[in-house]
Amino acid sequence: MIPEIDGQDVLKQIRDLEKAMGVKPGKEAKVIMSTALDDAKNIIEAFKGLCDAYLVKPIDRSQLIKHLRDFKLIP
């Protein structure tokens, strides 16, 4: 957990900043939420906020690597 702000709020701030800066669709930052919260409400909220992936701790390394490859962030 992040002190004083949660991941959902951080995601909203990122997306709001991108919108304010005129970032074109498809050029937004890739956001992988990493959290201890695995309830449906938080997962749905994250995807509504346009996260690209949602991983629940403890992180499955193979899933993280898969997402990084899918996003073409690693070979």
PDB file of N, CA and C in Angstrom:
ATOM      1  N   MET A   1       0.842  -1.175   0.000  1.00  0.00           N
ATOM      2  CA  MET A   1       0.000   0.000   0.000  1.00  0.00           C
ATOM      3  C   MET A   1       0.891   1.243   0.000  1.00  0.00           C
ATOM      4  N   ILE A   2       0.489   2.232  -0.747  1.00  0.00           N
ATOM      5  CA  ILE A   2       1.232   3.480  -0.839  1.00  0.00           C
ATOM      6  C   ILE A   2       0.724   4.423   0.255  1.00  0.00           C
ATOM      7  N   PRO A   3       1.631   4.992   1.072  1.00  0.00           N
ATOM      8  CA  PRO A   3       1.161   5.934   2.095  1.00  0.00           C
ATOM      9  C   PRO A   3       0.510   7.171   1.468  1.00  0.00           C
ATOM     10  N   GLU A   4      -0.616   7.585   2.018  1.00  0.00           N
ATOM     11  CA  GLU A   4      -1.304   8.835   1.675  1.00  0.00           C
ATOM     12  C   GLU A   4      -2.006   8.855   0.318  1.00  0.00           C
ATOM     13  N   ILE A   5      -1.811   7.855  -0.523  1.00  0.00           N
ATOM     14  CA  ILE A   5      -2.512   7.785  -1.811  1.00  0.00           C
ATOM     15  C   ILE A   5      -2.557   6.319  -2.216  1.00  0.00           C
ATOM     16  N   ASP A   6      -3.618   5.920  -2.915  1.00  0.00           N
ATOM     17  CA  ASP A   6      -3.654   4.522  -3.339  1.00  0.00           C
ATOM     18  C   ASP A   6      -3.386   4.401  -4.834  1.00  0.00           C
ATOM     19  N   GLY A   7      -3.159   3.186  -5.255  1.00  0.00           N
ATOM     20  CA  GLY A   7      -2.813   2.931  -6.647  1.00  0.00           C
ATOM     21  C   GLY A   7      -3.876   3.388  -7.629  1.00  0.00           C
ATOM     22  N   GLN A   8      -5.134   3.291  -7.232  1.00  0.00           N
ATOM     23  CA  GLN A   8      -6.219   3.737  -8.113  1.00  0.00           C
ATOM     24  C   GLN A   8      -6.107   5.244  -8.368  1.00  0.00           C
ATOM     25  N   ASP A   9      -5.773   5.998  -7.318  1.00  0.00           N
ATOM     26  CA  ASP A   9      -5.622   7.447  -7.476  1.00  0.00           C
ATOM     27  C   ASP A   9      -4.389   7.782  -8.320  1.00  0.00           C
ATOM     28  N   VAL A  10      -3.315   7.018  -8.136  1.00  0.00           N
ATOM     29  CA  VAL A  10      -2.111   7.234  -8.947  1.00  0.00           C
ATOM     30  C   VAL A  10      -2.433   6.984 -10.415  1.00  0.00           C
ATOM     31  N   LEU A  11      -3.146   5.903 -10.693  1.00  0.00           N
ATOM     32  CA  LEU A  11      -3.544   5.592 -12.071  1.00  0.00           C
ATOM     33  C   LEU A  11      -4.377   6.728 -12.660  1.00  0.00           C
ATOM     34  N   LYS A  12      -5.322   7.245 -11.889  1.00  0.00           N
ATOM     35  CA  LYS A  12      -6.150   8.358 -12.376  1.00  0.00           C
ATOM     36  C   LYS A  12      -5.295   9.582 -12.669  1.00  0.00           C
ATOM     37  N   GLN A  13      -4.340   9.877 -11.801  1.00  0.00           N
ATOM     38  CA  GLN A  13      -3.468  11.033 -12.026  1.00  0.00           C
ATOM     39  C   GLN A  13      -2.632  10.851 -13.289  1.00  0.00           C
ATOM     40  N   ILE A  14      -2.138   9.649 -13.516  1.00  0.00           N
ATOM     41  CA  ILE A  14      -1.356   9.375 -14.734  1.00  0.00           C
ATOM     42  C   ILE A  14      -2.222   9.616 -15.963  1.00  0.00           C
ATOM     43  N   ARG A  15      -3.413   9.031 -15.977  1.00  0.00           N
ATOM     44  CA  ARG A  15      -4.290   9.173 -17.149  1.00  0.00           C
ATOM     45  C   ARG A  15      -4.753  10.623 -17.336  1.00  0.00           C
ATOM     46  N   ASP A  16      -5.020  11.329 -16.255  1.00  0.00           N
ATOM     47  CA  ASP A  16      -5.407  12.742 -16.362  1.00  0.00           C
ATOM     48  C   ASP A  16      -4.265  13.579 -16.924  1.00  0.00           C
ATOM     49  N   LEU A  17      -3.058  13.311 -16.476  1.00  0.00           N
ATOM     50  CA  LEU A  17      -1.888  14.035 -16.974  1.00  0.00           C
ATOM     51  C   LEU A  17      -1.675  13.763 -18.462  1.00  0.00           C
ATOM     52  N   GLU A  18      -1.815  12.511 -18.859  1.00  0.00           N
ATOM     53  CA  GLU A  18      -1.677  12.174 -20.283  1.00  0.00           C
ATOM     54  C   GLU A  18      -2.716  12.924 -21.119  1.00  0.00           C
ATOM     55  N   LYS A  19      -3.941  12.957 -20.624  1.00  0.00           N
ATOM     56  CA  LYS A  19      -5.014  13.662 -21.345  1.00  0.00           C
ATOM     57  C   LYS A  19      -4.697  15.152 -21.448  1.00  0.00           C
ATOM     58  N   ALA A  20      -4.263  15.743 -20.346  1.00  0.00           N
ATOM     59  CA  ALA A  20      -3.937  17.175 -20.327  1.00  0.00           C
ATOM     60  C   ALA A  20      -2.774  17.499 -21.276  1.00  0.00           C
ATOM     61  N   MET A  21      -1.867  16.553 -21.431  1.00  0.00           N
ATOM     62  CA  MET A  21      -0.704  16.757 -22.296  1.00  0.00           C
ATOM     63  C   MET A  21      -0.974  16.376 -23.749  1.00  0.00           C
ATOM     64  N   GLY A  22      -2.183  15.881 -24.022  1.00  0.00           N
ATOM     65  CA  GLY A  22      -2.551  15.534 -25.385  1.00  0.00           C
ATOM     66  C   GLY A  22      -1.904  14.259 -25.906  1.00  0.00           C
ATOM     67  N   VAL A  23      -1.616  13.331 -25.008  1.00  0.00           N
ATOM     68  CA  VAL A  23      -1.031  12.056 -25.436  1.00  0.00           C
ATOM     69  C   VAL A  23      -2.060  11.334 -26.295  1.00  0.00           C
ATOM     70  N   LYS A  24      -1.635  10.914 -27.467  1.00  0.00           N
ATOM     71  CA  LYS A  24      -2.543  10.273 -28.415  1.00  0.00           C
ATOM     72  C   LYS A  24      -2.877   8.848 -27.974  1.00  0.00           C
ATOM     73  N   PRO A  25      -4.088   8.386 -28.321  1.00  0.00           N
ATOM     74  CA  PRO A  25      -4.472   7.003 -27.992  1.00  0.00           C
ATOM     75  C   PRO A  25      -3.431   6.014 -28.529  1.00  0.00           C
ATOM     76  N   GLY A  26      -3.109   5.042 -27.701  1.00  0.00           N
ATOM     77  CA  GLY A  26      -2.113   4.049 -28.080  1.00  0.00           C
ATOM     78  C   GLY A  26      -0.703   4.428 -27.670  1.00  0.00           C
ATOM     79  N   LYS A  27      -0.510   5.681 -27.270  1.00  0.00           N
ATOM     80  CA  LYS A  27       0.811   6.165 -26.859  1.00  0.00           C
ATOM     81  C   LYS A  27       0.905   6.373 -25.347  1.00  0.00           C
ATOM     82  N   GLU A  28      -0.148   6.011 -24.635  1.00  0.00           N
ATOM     83  CA  GLU A  28      -0.171   6.191 -23.188  1.00  0.00           C
ATOM     84  C   GLU A  28       0.838   5.262 -22.512  1.00  0.00           C
ATOM     85  N   ALA A  29       1.208   5.593 -21.288  1.00  0.00           N
ATOM     86  CA  ALA A  29       2.093   4.741 -20.491  1.00  0.00           C
ATOM     87  C   ALA A  29       1.415   3.401 -20.252  1.00  0.00           C
ATOM     88  N   LYS A  30       2.208   2.354 -20.242  1.00  0.00           N
ATOM     89  CA  LYS A  30       1.697   1.032 -19.881  1.00  0.00           C
ATOM     90  C   LYS A  30       1.706   0.949 -18.361  1.00  0.00           C
ATOM     91  N   VAL A  31       0.567   0.628 -17.775  1.00  0.00           N
ATOM     92  CA  VAL A  31       0.446   0.571 -16.322  1.00  0.00           C
ATOM     93  C   VAL A  31       0.074  -0.844 -15.905  1.00  0.00           C
ATOM     94  N   ILE A  32       0.966  -1.438 -15.122  1.00  0.00           N
ATOM     95  CA  ILE A  32       0.698  -2.751 -14.534  1.00  0.00           C
ATOM     96  C   ILE A  32       0.467  -2.517 -13.051  1.00  0.00           C
ATOM     97  N   MET A  33      -0.747  -2.730 -12.623  1.00  0.00           N
ATOM     98  CA  MET A  33      -1.078  -2.573 -11.207  1.00  0.00           C
ATOM     99  C   MET A  33      -0.522  -3.779 -10.459  1.00  0.00           C
ATOM    100  N   SER A  34       0.173  -3.516  -9.376  1.00  0.00           N
ATOM    101  CA  SER A  34       0.728  -4.553  -8.504  1.00  0.00           C
ATOM    102  C   SER A  34       0.174  -4.299  -7.121  1.00  0.00           C
ATOM    103  N   THR A  35      -0.638  -5.233  -6.618  1.00  0.00           N
ATOM    104  CA  THR A  35      -1.390  -4.958  -5.404  1.00  0.00           C
ATOM    105  C   THR A  35      -1.670  -6.212  -4.594  1.00  0.00           C
ATOM    106  N   ALA A  36      -1.995  -6.013  -3.351  1.00  0.00           N
ATOM    107  CA  ALA A  36      -2.438  -7.106  -2.488  1.00  0.00           C
ATOM    108  C   ALA A  36      -3.956  -7.253  -2.558  1.00  0.00           C
ATOM    109  N   LEU A  37      -4.627  -6.337  -3.226  1.00  0.00           N
ATOM    110  CA  LEU A  37      -6.091  -6.324  -3.282  1.00  0.00           C
ATOM    111  C   LEU A  37      -6.579  -7.138  -4.471  1.00  0.00           C
ATOM    112  N   ASP A  38      -7.247  -8.254  -4.186  1.00  0.00           N
ATOM    113  CA  ASP A  38      -7.696  -9.119  -5.276  1.00  0.00           C
ATOM    114  C   ASP A  38      -9.211  -9.219  -5.386  1.00  0.00           C
ATOM    115  N   ASP A  39      -9.912  -8.267  -4.782  1.00  0.00           N
ATOM    116  CA  ASP A  39     -11.373  -8.296  -4.862  1.00  0.00           C
ATOM    117  C   ASP A  39     -11.839  -7.707  -6.189  1.00  0.00           C
ATOM    118  N   ALA A  40     -12.986  -8.168  -6.637  1.00  0.00           N
ATOM    119  CA  ALA A  40     -13.525  -7.762  -7.934  1.00  0.00           C
ATOM    120  C   ALA A  40     -13.684  -6.248  -8.059  1.00  0.00           C
ATOM    121  N   LYS A  41     -14.099  -5.586  -6.994  1.00  0.00           N
ATOM    122  CA  LYS A  41     -14.312  -4.128  -7.044  1.00  0.00           C
ATOM    123  C   LYS A  41     -13.029  -3.399  -7.434  1.00  0.00           C
ATOM    124  N   ASN A  42     -11.918  -3.745  -6.803  1.00  0.00           N
ATOM    125  CA  ASN A  42     -10.648  -3.084  -7.107  1.00  0.00           C
ATOM    126  C   ASN A  42     -10.140  -3.426  -8.499  1.00  0.00           C
ATOM    127  N   ILE A  43     -10.314  -4.670  -8.904  1.00  0.00           N
ATOM    128  CA  ILE A  43      -9.869  -5.088 -10.238  1.00  0.00           C
ATOM    129  C   ILE A  43     -10.661  -4.351 -11.312  1.00  0.00           C
ATOM    130  N   ILE A  44     -11.974  -4.316 -11.167  1.00  0.00           N
ATOM    131  CA  ILE A  44     -12.825  -3.619 -12.140  1.00  0.00           C
ATOM    132  C   ILE A  44     -12.491  -2.136 -12.179  1.00  0.00           C
ATOM    133  N   GLU A  45     -12.306  -1.529 -11.006  1.00  0.00           N
ATOM    134  CA  GLU A  45     -11.975  -0.104 -10.944  1.00  0.00           C
ATOM    135  C   GLU A  45     -10.658   0.174 -11.670  1.00  0.00           C
ATOM    136  N   ALA A  46      -9.681  -0.699 -11.496  1.00  0.00           N
ATOM    137  CA  ALA A  46      -8.380  -0.509 -12.157  1.00  0.00           C
ATOM    138  C   ALA A  46      -8.525  -0.559 -13.675  1.00  0.00           C
ATOM    139  N   PHE A  47      -9.275  -1.516 -14.182  1.00  0.00           N
ATOM    140  CA  PHE A  47      -9.440  -1.608 -15.632  1.00  0.00           C
ATOM    141  C   PHE A  47     -10.320  -0.485 -16.176  1.00  0.00           C
ATOM    142  N   LYS A  48     -11.283  -0.029 -15.399  1.00  0.00           N
ATOM    143  CA  LYS A  48     -12.055   1.151 -15.814  1.00  0.00           C
ATOM    144  C   LYS A  48     -11.150   2.376 -15.875  1.00  0.00           C
ATOM    145  N   GLY A  49     -10.149   2.419 -15.005  1.00  0.00           N
ATOM    146  CA  GLY A  49      -9.179   3.507 -15.003  1.00  0.00           C
ATOM    147  C   GLY A  49      -8.106   3.348 -16.066  1.00  0.00           C
ATOM    148  N   LEU A  50      -8.258   2.313 -16.868  1.00  0.00           N
ATOM    149  CA  LEU A  50      -7.388   2.033 -18.013  1.00  0.00           C
ATOM    150  C   LEU A  50      -6.007   1.525 -17.640  1.00  0.00           C
ATOM    151  N   CYS A  51      -5.942   0.683 -16.603  1.00  0.00           N
ATOM    152  CA  CYS A  51      -4.676  -0.009 -16.366  1.00  0.00           C
ATOM    153  C   CYS A  51      -4.541  -1.052 -17.477  1.00  0.00           C
ATOM    154  N   ASP A  52      -3.324  -1.465 -17.736  1.00  0.00           N
ATOM    155  CA  ASP A  52      -3.081  -2.423 -18.808  1.00  0.00           C
ATOM    156  C   ASP A  52      -3.002  -3.860 -18.307  1.00  0.00           C
ATOM    157  N   ALA A  53      -2.658  -4.026 -17.046  1.00  0.00           N
ATOM    158  CA  ALA A  53      -2.598  -5.353 -16.437  1.00  0.00           C
ATOM    159  C   ALA A  53      -2.735  -5.197 -14.931  1.00  0.00           C
ATOM    160  N   TYR A  54      -3.129  -6.288 -14.283  1.00  0.00           N
ATOM    161  CA  TYR A  54      -3.374  -6.261 -12.836  1.00  0.00           C
ATOM    162  C   TYR A  54      -2.783  -7.528 -12.253  1.00  0.00           C
ATOM    163  N   LEU A  55      -1.769  -7.377 -11.427  1.00  0.00           N
ATOM    164  CA  LEU A  55      -1.114  -8.522 -10.795  1.00  0.00           C
ATOM    165  C   LEU A  55      -1.295  -8.453  -9.290  1.00  0.00           C
ATOM    166  N   VAL A  56      -1.680  -9.580  -8.709  1.00  0.00           N
ATOM    167  CA  VAL A  56      -1.898  -9.655  -7.264  1.00  0.00           C
ATOM    168  C   VAL A  56      -0.648 -10.258  -6.615  1.00  0.00           C
ATOM    169  N   LYS A  57      -0.235  -9.630  -5.515  1.00  0.00           N
ATOM    170  CA  LYS A  57       0.923 -10.116  -4.773  1.00  0.00           C
ATOM    171  C   LYS A  57       0.568 -11.403  -4.038  1.00  0.00           C
ATOM    172  N   PRO A  58       1.496 -12.331  -3.912  1.00  0.00           N
ATOM    173  CA  PRO A  58       2.859 -12.260  -4.424  1.00  0.00           C
ATOM    174  C   PRO A  58       2.850 -12.378  -5.956  1.00  0.00           C
ATOM    175  N   ILE A  59       3.686 -11.584  -6.586  1.00  0.00           N
ATOM    176  CA  ILE A  59       3.723 -11.509  -8.045  1.00  0.00           C
ATOM    177  C   ILE A  59       4.239 -12.812  -8.639  1.00  0.00           C
ATOM    178  N   ASP A  60       3.509 -13.311  -9.618  1.00  0.00           N
ATOM    179  CA  ASP A  60       3.949 -14.470 -10.387  1.00  0.00           C
ATOM    180  C   ASP A  60       4.901 -13.944 -11.464  1.00  0.00           C
ATOM    181  N   ARG A  61       6.166 -14.273 -11.315  1.00  0.00           N
ATOM    182  CA  ARG A  61       7.215 -13.746 -12.212  1.00  0.00           C
ATOM    183  C   ARG A  61       6.889 -14.017 -13.683  1.00  0.00           C
ATOM    184  N   SER A  62       6.386 -15.210 -13.983  1.00  0.00           N
ATOM    185  CA  SER A  62       6.086 -15.545 -15.378  1.00  0.00           C
ATOM    186  C   SER A  62       4.982 -14.658 -15.939  1.00  0.00           C
ATOM    187  N   GLN A  63       3.994 -14.300 -15.110  1.00  0.00           N
ATOM    188  CA  GLN A  63       2.933 -13.402 -15.566  1.00  0.00           C
ATOM    189  C   GLN A  63       3.464 -11.993 -15.825  1.00  0.00           C
ATOM    190  N   LEU A  64       4.330 -11.526 -14.939  1.00  0.00           N
ATOM    191  CA  LEU A  64       4.930 -10.210 -15.134  1.00  0.00           C
ATOM    192  C   LEU A  64       5.731 -10.185 -16.433  1.00  0.00           C
ATOM    193  N   ILE A  65       6.550 -11.186 -16.642  1.00  0.00           N
ATOM    194  CA  ILE A  65       7.359 -11.246 -17.866  1.00  0.00           C
ATOM    195  C   ILE A  65       6.462 -11.324 -19.097  1.00  0.00           C
ATOM    196  N   LYS A  66       5.379 -12.105 -19.018  1.00  0.00           N
ATOM    197  CA  LYS A  66       4.444 -12.199 -20.145  1.00  0.00           C
ATOM    198  C   LYS A  66       3.886 -10.823 -20.493  1.00  0.00           C
ATOM    199  N   HIS A  67       3.456 -10.075 -19.487  1.00  0.00           N
ATOM    200  CA  HIS A  67       2.905  -8.740 -19.745  1.00  0.00           C
ATOM    201  C   HIS A  67       3.971  -7.822 -20.333  1.00  0.00           C
ATOM    202  N   LEU A  68       5.168  -7.848 -19.798  1.00  0.00           N
ATOM    203  CA  LEU A  68       6.239  -7.004 -20.325  1.00  0.00           C
ATOM    204  C   LEU A  68       6.524  -7.348 -21.781  1.00  0.00           C
ATOM    205  N   ARG A  69       6.494  -8.619 -22.117  1.00  0.00           N
ATOM    206  CA  ARG A  69       6.691  -9.020 -23.522  1.00  0.00           C
ATOM    207  C   ARG A  69       5.506  -8.591 -24.380  1.00  0.00           C
ATOM    208  N   ASP A  70       4.293  -8.803 -23.881  1.00  0.00           N
ATOM    209  CA  ASP A  70       3.102  -8.391 -24.628  1.00  0.00           C
ATOM    210  C   ASP A  70       3.129  -6.906 -24.949  1.00  0.00           C
ATOM    211  N   PHE A  71       3.652  -6.099 -24.017  1.00  0.00           N
ATOM    212  CA  PHE A  71       3.723  -4.658 -24.206  1.00  0.00           C
ATOM    213  C   PHE A  71       4.982  -4.236 -24.961  1.00  0.00           C
ATOM    214  N   LYS A  72       5.775  -5.257 -25.367  1.00  0.00           N
ATOM    215  CA  LYS A  72       7.021  -4.999 -26.101  1.00  0.00           C
ATOM    216  C   LYS A  72       7.994  -4.130 -25.324  1.00  0.00           C
ATOM    217  N   LEU A  73       8.021  -4.359 -24.004  1.00  0.00           N
ATOM    218  CA  LEU A  73       8.948  -3.619 -23.141  1.00  0.00           C
ATOM    219  C   LEU A  73      10.229  -4.408 -22.911  1.00  0.00           C
ATOM    220  N   ILE A  74      10.159  -5.723 -23.171  1.00  0.00           N
ATOM    221  CA  ILE A  74      11.343  -6.578 -23.149  1.00  0.00           C
ATOM    222  C   ILE A  74      11.233  -7.554 -24.322  1.00  0.00           C
ATOM    223  N   PRO A  75      12.375  -8.082 -24.761  1.00  0.00           N
ATOM    224  CA  PRO A  75      12.320  -9.051 -25.886  1.00  0.00           C
ATOM    225  C   PRO A  75      11.733 -10.394 -25.477  1.00  0.00           C
TER     226      PRO A  75
END
